N, C-alpha and C. Protein backbone atom coordinates (compact mmCIF):
# COMPACT_ATOMS: atom_id res chain seq x y z
N MET A 1 -95.16 169.62 277.49
CA MET A 1 -94.69 168.55 276.60
C MET A 1 -94.22 167.37 277.46
N PRO A 2 -94.64 166.15 277.11
CA PRO A 2 -94.23 164.98 277.90
C PRO A 2 -92.74 164.67 277.72
N LEU A 3 -92.19 164.00 278.72
CA LEU A 3 -90.81 163.53 278.62
C LEU A 3 -90.70 162.54 277.47
N LYS A 4 -89.49 162.39 276.93
CA LYS A 4 -89.30 161.45 275.81
C LYS A 4 -89.70 160.04 276.22
N THR A 5 -89.38 159.65 277.45
CA THR A 5 -89.68 158.28 277.89
C THR A 5 -91.17 158.06 278.12
N GLU A 6 -91.97 159.11 278.04
CA GLU A 6 -93.43 158.98 278.19
C GLU A 6 -94.14 158.98 276.84
N GLN A 7 -93.38 159.02 275.74
CA GLN A 7 -93.97 159.08 274.40
C GLN A 7 -93.97 157.69 273.76
N ASN A 8 -95.14 157.15 273.56
CA ASN A 8 -95.30 155.81 273.01
C ASN A 8 -95.46 155.89 271.49
N THR A 9 -94.33 156.01 270.79
CA THR A 9 -94.36 156.07 269.33
C THR A 9 -93.31 155.10 268.78
N ALA A 10 -93.50 154.70 267.54
CA ALA A 10 -92.53 153.80 266.90
C ALA A 10 -91.16 154.46 266.78
N GLY A 11 -91.14 155.75 266.48
CA GLY A 11 -89.87 156.46 266.38
C GLY A 11 -89.12 156.50 267.70
N MET A 12 -89.85 156.70 268.80
CA MET A 12 -89.20 156.72 270.11
C MET A 12 -88.69 155.33 270.47
N GLU A 13 -89.42 154.29 270.12
CA GLU A 13 -88.95 152.92 270.37
C GLU A 13 -87.62 152.67 269.66
N THR A 14 -87.50 153.12 268.43
CA THR A 14 -86.26 152.95 267.67
C THR A 14 -85.11 153.68 268.36
N ARG A 15 -85.33 154.92 268.76
CA ARG A 15 -84.29 155.69 269.44
C ARG A 15 -83.87 155.03 270.75
N ILE A 16 -84.83 154.54 271.50
CA ILE A 16 -84.54 153.91 272.79
C ILE A 16 -83.75 152.62 272.59
N LEU A 17 -84.13 151.82 271.61
CA LEU A 17 -83.38 150.58 271.35
C LEU A 17 -81.94 150.87 270.93
N ARG A 18 -81.73 151.88 270.10
CA ARG A 18 -80.37 152.25 269.70
C ARG A 18 -79.55 152.68 270.92
N ALA A 19 -80.15 153.50 271.75
CA ALA A 19 -79.44 153.96 272.96
C ALA A 19 -79.14 152.80 273.89
N ALA A 20 -80.10 151.91 274.08
CA ALA A 20 -79.91 150.77 274.97
C ALA A 20 -78.78 149.86 274.47
N ARG A 21 -78.73 149.62 273.17
CA ARG A 21 -77.64 148.79 272.61
C ARG A 21 -76.29 149.44 272.86
N ALA A 22 -76.22 150.76 272.74
CA ALA A 22 -74.95 151.47 272.96
C ALA A 22 -74.56 151.46 274.44
N ILE A 23 -75.52 151.66 275.33
CA ILE A 23 -75.24 151.70 276.77
C ILE A 23 -74.86 150.32 277.29
N LEU A 24 -75.65 149.30 276.91
CA LEU A 24 -75.45 147.95 277.45
C LEU A 24 -74.44 147.13 276.67
N ARG A 25 -74.19 147.55 275.44
CA ARG A 25 -73.31 146.78 274.54
C ARG A 25 -73.79 145.33 274.42
N ARG A 26 -75.09 145.22 274.20
CA ARG A 26 -75.74 143.91 274.03
C ARG A 26 -76.68 143.98 272.85
N ARG A 27 -76.93 142.83 272.29
CA ARG A 27 -77.97 142.68 271.26
C ARG A 27 -79.11 141.88 271.90
N ASN A 28 -80.05 141.48 271.10
CA ASN A 28 -81.21 140.71 271.57
C ASN A 28 -81.99 141.46 272.63
N LEU A 29 -82.14 142.77 272.43
CA LEU A 29 -82.93 143.60 273.34
C LEU A 29 -84.29 143.88 272.73
N SER A 30 -85.28 144.01 273.58
CA SER A 30 -86.59 144.45 273.12
C SER A 30 -87.02 145.61 274.01
N ALA A 31 -87.79 146.50 273.42
CA ALA A 31 -88.33 147.65 274.16
C ALA A 31 -89.84 147.48 274.22
N PHE A 32 -90.41 147.83 275.35
CA PHE A 32 -91.86 147.81 275.46
C PHE A 32 -92.33 148.96 276.33
N PHE A 33 -93.51 149.46 276.02
CA PHE A 33 -94.09 150.59 276.71
C PHE A 33 -95.16 150.07 277.64
N GLU A 34 -95.00 150.32 278.93
CA GLU A 34 -95.94 149.83 279.93
C GLU A 34 -95.95 150.78 281.11
N HIS A 35 -97.11 150.99 281.71
CA HIS A 35 -97.26 151.87 282.88
C HIS A 35 -96.76 153.29 282.59
N GLY A 36 -96.94 153.74 281.34
CA GLY A 36 -96.60 155.10 280.98
C GLY A 36 -95.14 155.38 280.74
N GLN A 37 -94.32 154.33 280.59
CA GLN A 37 -92.90 154.54 280.31
C GLN A 37 -92.32 153.36 279.55
N TRP A 38 -91.09 153.54 279.05
CA TRP A 38 -90.41 152.51 278.29
C TRP A 38 -89.56 151.63 279.17
N TRP A 39 -89.46 150.38 278.78
CA TRP A 39 -88.65 149.36 279.47
C TRP A 39 -87.83 148.63 278.42
N ILE A 40 -86.68 148.12 278.83
CA ILE A 40 -85.82 147.31 277.97
C ILE A 40 -85.69 145.93 278.60
N GLU A 41 -85.74 144.91 277.76
CA GLU A 41 -85.51 143.54 278.25
C GLU A 41 -84.47 142.86 277.37
N HIS A 42 -83.54 142.17 278.01
CA HIS A 42 -82.57 141.33 277.30
C HIS A 42 -83.24 139.97 277.17
N ARG A 43 -83.66 139.64 275.95
CA ARG A 43 -84.49 138.45 275.73
C ARG A 43 -83.85 137.15 276.22
N PRO A 44 -82.56 136.90 275.99
CA PRO A 44 -82.00 135.61 276.42
C PRO A 44 -82.00 135.40 277.94
N THR A 45 -81.85 136.48 278.71
CA THR A 45 -81.71 136.31 280.17
C THR A 45 -82.92 136.80 280.95
N GLY A 46 -83.74 137.66 280.35
CA GLY A 46 -84.88 138.23 281.06
C GLY A 46 -84.51 139.45 281.90
N ALA A 47 -83.25 139.90 281.87
CA ALA A 47 -82.85 141.10 282.61
C ALA A 47 -83.65 142.29 282.07
N GLN A 48 -84.06 143.20 282.98
CA GLN A 48 -84.86 144.34 282.57
C GLN A 48 -84.31 145.65 283.13
N TRP A 49 -84.54 146.72 282.35
CA TRP A 49 -84.13 148.06 282.73
C TRP A 49 -85.28 149.02 282.49
N SER A 50 -85.40 149.99 283.36
CA SER A 50 -86.30 151.12 283.18
C SER A 50 -85.55 152.18 282.38
N VAL A 51 -86.20 152.76 281.38
CA VAL A 51 -85.58 153.81 280.58
C VAL A 51 -85.90 155.15 281.22
N VAL A 52 -84.87 155.97 281.44
CA VAL A 52 -85.06 157.28 282.05
C VAL A 52 -84.49 158.37 281.14
N ASP A 53 -85.08 159.55 281.21
CA ASP A 53 -84.54 160.71 280.51
C ASP A 53 -83.31 161.19 281.29
N ALA A 54 -82.20 161.43 280.59
CA ALA A 54 -80.97 161.83 281.26
C ALA A 54 -80.06 162.59 280.30
N GLU A 55 -79.17 163.38 280.86
CA GLU A 55 -78.16 164.10 280.10
C GLU A 55 -76.82 163.90 280.80
N GLY A 56 -75.75 163.84 280.02
CA GLY A 56 -74.41 163.71 280.60
C GLY A 56 -74.13 162.29 281.06
N GLY A 57 -72.95 162.08 281.60
CA GLY A 57 -72.57 160.76 282.10
C GLY A 57 -72.70 159.69 281.04
N ALA A 58 -73.35 158.61 281.40
CA ALA A 58 -73.50 157.46 280.50
C ALA A 58 -74.68 157.61 279.54
N ALA A 59 -75.40 158.72 279.60
CA ALA A 59 -76.58 158.91 278.76
C ALA A 59 -76.23 158.90 277.27
N VAL A 60 -77.12 158.31 276.48
CA VAL A 60 -76.99 158.27 275.02
C VAL A 60 -78.28 158.80 274.44
N ASP A 61 -78.19 159.81 273.60
CA ASP A 61 -79.36 160.41 272.94
C ASP A 61 -80.42 160.86 273.95
N GLY A 62 -79.99 161.25 275.14
CA GLY A 62 -80.92 161.73 276.15
C GLY A 62 -81.56 160.65 276.99
N PHE A 63 -81.03 159.41 276.91
CA PHE A 63 -81.58 158.29 277.67
C PHE A 63 -80.51 157.63 278.53
N ASP A 64 -80.94 157.07 279.64
CA ASP A 64 -80.09 156.20 280.45
C ASP A 64 -80.98 155.07 280.94
N LEU A 65 -80.36 154.06 281.54
CA LEU A 65 -81.10 152.88 281.98
C LEU A 65 -80.86 152.62 283.46
N GLU A 66 -81.90 152.17 284.14
CA GLU A 66 -81.81 151.77 285.55
C GLU A 66 -82.19 150.30 285.60
N GLN A 67 -81.24 149.44 286.01
CA GLN A 67 -81.53 148.01 286.01
C GLN A 67 -82.53 147.67 287.11
N ILE A 68 -83.54 146.90 286.72
CA ILE A 68 -84.62 146.51 287.64
C ILE A 68 -84.46 145.04 288.04
N THR A 69 -84.19 144.15 287.08
CA THR A 69 -83.98 142.74 287.38
C THR A 69 -82.70 142.26 286.71
N MET A 70 -82.02 141.33 287.36
CA MET A 70 -80.76 140.81 286.84
C MET A 70 -80.97 139.78 285.73
N GLY A 71 -82.06 139.07 285.78
CA GLY A 71 -82.27 137.99 284.81
C GLY A 71 -81.46 136.77 285.21
N SER A 72 -81.54 135.73 284.41
CA SER A 72 -80.80 134.50 284.70
C SER A 72 -79.74 134.29 283.64
N PHE A 73 -78.54 134.03 284.06
CA PHE A 73 -77.43 133.85 283.13
C PHE A 73 -77.03 132.40 283.04
């Protein structure tokens, strides 16, 4: 069975966006599936995160984020 972050479905996109909003405490986020995994982008700044499968710590609903770009503030 593939990891959750490798599943390109509308339901998974919804779950990932909810988790990202809770982790980042930001709105104006978009999720996109590229290169076999999910990514999050903060639309106003262009900051991006890779979505990873995780448990414990800061994880929400089995997801955590790894920041890739800072974006412009």
